[in-house]
Amino acid sequence: MDHKNHRHFIDFLFPLTLFLIFASLAVIIILLATNIYQETNRNSYYNDNARLSLTYVTEKIHQNNSEGCIKILNKDNMNILCISHSMKEDSYNTYIYYKDGYIKELFLKEGVTADFNFGRNIAPVSSFSMEMTEAKILSFFCIDHNGQQYHTVIGLK
C-alpha cells in the first residue's frame, strides 16, 4: 500500500475548519467595528453641532459688541437674541433663536416685521436657551440630541 498517495479526510477538513473560523471571526469583527464607528460618528456630529452653534453665536456677538447693540427679546414665547448693526446708511438686525429643533438666524433690515418661521437653520439641537444678567453678561445653554449640555458666557460692553 502506498502511503504517499493515501490522505486522510482530516488533513483536508482541519485547515478548512480553521479557515472558516478565521473568516467568520474577521467578518464579526468588521461588523462590530462598523457599528462602533457609526455610533461614534453620530455622537461626534451632534456634539460638534452644539459646540459649533455656541461658537457661532459667540462670534456674532463679538463682531457687534457695542453699547446697546445686543439685547434679548421675548416674542411668541421665545427668547430671541437681537444683534443690531449698521452697514453704510442702513441698520440691520440679526435675530438668533430656537425653534422647531434648530437654532435659527434671521437677518432683516431694521423696521421690517420679523416672521420667525423663516429663519435659516444654524444647527439641530434638543434645546437652546439664553439669559442676560444685570451686569450685562449673556449665558447660553445648549443640549445636543445625545443629552450632552454645553454652556458659554459672554460679557458685553
Protein backbone atom coordinates (compact mmCIF):
# COMPACT_ATOMS: atom_id res chain seq x y z
CA MET A 1 0.00 0.00 0.00
CA ASP A 2 1.37 3.40 -1.00
CA HIS A 3 1.38 5.80 1.97
CA LYS A 4 2.28 8.91 -0.07
CA ASN A 5 -0.93 8.98 -2.08
CA HIS A 6 -3.16 7.96 0.78
CA ARG A 7 -4.51 11.06 2.59
CA HIS A 8 -6.94 11.22 5.42
CA PHE A 9 -10.10 13.23 5.26
CA ILE A 10 -8.99 15.07 8.41
CA ASP A 11 -6.00 16.50 6.51
CA PHE A 12 -8.46 18.43 4.33
CA LEU A 13 -11.11 19.13 6.98
CA PHE A 14 -8.83 20.63 9.64
CA PRO A 15 -7.37 23.50 7.51
CA LEU A 16 -10.81 24.17 6.01
CA THR A 17 -12.35 24.44 9.50
CA LEU A 18 -9.57 26.79 10.65
CA PHE A 19 -10.09 28.97 7.58
CA LEU A 20 -13.87 29.14 8.12
CA ILE A 21 -13.41 30.05 11.80
CA PHE A 22 -10.90 32.75 10.86
CA ALA A 23 -13.15 34.16 8.12
CA SER A 24 -16.21 34.17 10.43
CA LEU A 25 -14.33 35.99 13.19
CA ALA A 26 -12.97 38.51 10.70
CA VAL A 27 -16.49 39.27 9.43
CA ILE A 28 -17.84 39.61 13.00
CA ILE A 29 -15.02 41.98 13.97
CA ILE A 30 -15.60 44.10 10.86
CA LEU A 31 -19.34 44.33 11.60
CA LEU A 32 -18.72 45.31 15.22
CA ALA A 33 -16.16 47.91 14.19
CA THR A 34 -18.59 49.34 11.65
CA ASN A 35 -21.30 49.74 14.29
CA ILE A 36 -18.88 51.36 16.71
CA TYR A 37 -17.65 53.74 14.01
CA GLN A 38 -21.21 54.73 13.03
CA GLU A 39 -22.17 55.42 16.66
CA THR A 40 -19.01 57.45 17.26
CA ASN A 41 -19.59 59.39 14.07
CA ARG A 42 -23.21 60.12 15.03
CA ASN A 43 -22.22 61.27 18.54
CA SER A 44 -19.46 63.44 17.12
CA TYR A 45 -21.90 65.04 14.68
CA TYR A 46 -24.34 66.07 17.42
CA ASN A 47 -21.61 67.21 19.79
CA ASP A 48 -19.96 69.27 17.07
CA ASN A 49 -23.29 70.88 16.14
CA ALA A 50 -23.91 72.01 19.70
CA ARG A 51 -20.39 73.32 20.25
CA LEU A 52 -20.13 74.98 16.86
CA SER A 53 -23.52 76.66 17.25
CA LEU A 54 -22.40 78.22 20.55
CA THR A 55 -19.16 79.30 18.91
CA TYR A 56 -21.12 80.81 16.02
CA VAL A 57 -23.35 82.81 18.40
CA THR A 58 -20.31 83.93 20.41
CA GLU A 59 -18.54 85.14 17.27
CA LYS A 60 -21.65 87.03 16.10
CA ILE A 61 -21.77 88.83 19.45
CA HIS A 62 -18.04 89.62 19.39
CA GLN A 63 -18.38 91.11 15.89
CA ASN A 64 -21.10 93.51 17.04
CA ASN A 65 -20.31 94.04 20.73
CA SER A 66 -21.12 97.75 21.04
CA GLU A 67 -23.11 99.61 23.67
CA GLY A 68 -26.84 98.88 23.29
CA CYS A 69 -26.49 96.72 20.16
CA ILE A 70 -27.24 93.38 21.81
CA LYS A 71 -30.41 92.52 23.69
CA ILE A 72 -32.71 89.60 24.42
CA LEU A 73 -36.31 89.95 23.29
CA ASN A 74 -39.26 87.77 24.24
CA LYS A 75 -41.64 87.27 21.30
CA ASP A 76 -44.00 84.41 20.53
CA ASN A 77 -42.97 82.72 23.83
CA MET A 78 -39.34 82.58 22.63
CA ASN A 79 -36.20 84.24 23.88
CA ILE A 80 -34.59 85.89 20.89
CA LEU A 81 -31.12 87.35 20.73
CA CYS A 82 -31.27 90.60 18.77
CA ILE A 83 -27.99 91.96 17.41
CA SER A 84 -28.23 95.41 15.83
CA HIS A 85 -25.60 96.65 13.41
CA SER A 86 -25.17 99.25 10.70
CA MET A 87 -23.84 98.90 7.20
CA LYS A 88 -23.36 102.10 5.20
CA GLU A 89 -26.51 104.18 5.85
CA ASP A 90 -28.85 101.31 6.81
CA SER A 91 -29.37 99.48 10.10
CA TYR A 92 -29.99 95.75 10.30
CA ASN A 93 -30.99 93.26 12.97
CA THR A 94 -29.82 89.69 13.30
CA TYR A 95 -32.14 87.52 15.35
CA ILE A 96 -30.89 84.23 16.80
CA TYR A 97 -33.43 81.92 18.43
CA TYR A 98 -34.51 78.31 18.96
CA LYS A 99 -37.49 76.94 17.08
CA ASP A 100 -38.59 73.52 15.76
CA GLY A 101 -35.45 71.72 16.98
CA TYR A 102 -33.00 74.17 15.40
CA ILE A 103 -31.03 77.20 16.39
CA LYS A 104 -32.11 79.68 13.74
CA GLU A 105 -30.92 83.01 12.42
CA LEU A 106 -32.96 85.74 10.74
CA PHE A 107 -31.30 88.79 9.17
CA LEU A 108 -33.57 91.76 8.44
CA LYS A 109 -33.39 95.45 7.73
CA GLU A 110 -34.47 97.47 10.75
CA GLY A 111 -38.16 98.33 10.62
CA VAL A 112 -39.17 95.18 8.74
CA THR A 113 -41.56 92.98 10.71
CA ALA A 114 -39.86 89.75 11.67
CA ASP A 115 -41.57 86.45 10.91
CA PHE A 116 -39.63 83.86 12.90
CA ASN A 117 -40.93 80.98 10.78
CA PHE A 118 -38.49 81.95 8.02
CA GLY A 119 -35.18 81.86 9.87
CA ARG A 120 -32.21 80.00 8.43
CA ASN A 121 -31.29 76.80 10.30
CA ILE A 122 -27.90 77.02 12.00
CA ALA A 123 -27.77 73.69 13.84
CA PRO A 124 -30.10 70.91 15.03
CA VAL A 125 -30.15 70.70 18.85
CA SER A 126 -32.55 69.47 21.52
CA SER A 127 -32.60 72.69 23.48
CA PHE A 128 -31.16 76.20 23.33
CA SER A 129 -31.72 78.95 25.87
CA MET A 130 -30.21 82.28 26.81
CA GLU A 131 -30.33 84.79 29.62
CA MET A 132 -28.79 88.16 30.41
CA THR A 133 -27.82 89.23 33.91
CA GLU A 134 -27.92 92.77 35.31
CA ALA A 135 -24.16 93.01 34.81
CA LYS A 136 -24.58 92.58 31.02
CA ILE A 137 -23.37 89.01 30.97
CA LEU A 138 -25.01 86.68 28.46
CA SER A 139 -25.28 82.97 29.23
CA PHE A 140 -26.16 80.43 26.57
CA PHE A 141 -27.16 76.83 27.25
CA CYS A 142 -27.39 74.19 24.55
CA ILE A 143 -28.29 70.49 24.78
CA ASP A 144 -27.46 68.22 21.85
CA HIS A 145 -29.51 65.22 20.72
CA ASN A 146 -27.45 62.92 22.96
CA GLY A 147 -28.38 64.90 26.08
CA GLN A 148 -24.93 66.49 26.45
CA GLN A 149 -25.19 70.05 27.78
CA TYR A 150 -22.94 72.91 26.68
CA HIS A 151 -22.68 76.35 28.21
CA THR A 152 -20.93 79.59 27.33
CA VAL A 153 -20.77 83.01 28.95
CA ILE A 154 -20.10 86.30 27.15
CA GLY A 155 -19.53 89.72 28.68
CA LEU A 156 -20.99 92.73 26.84
CA LYS A 157 -19.64 96.25 26.58
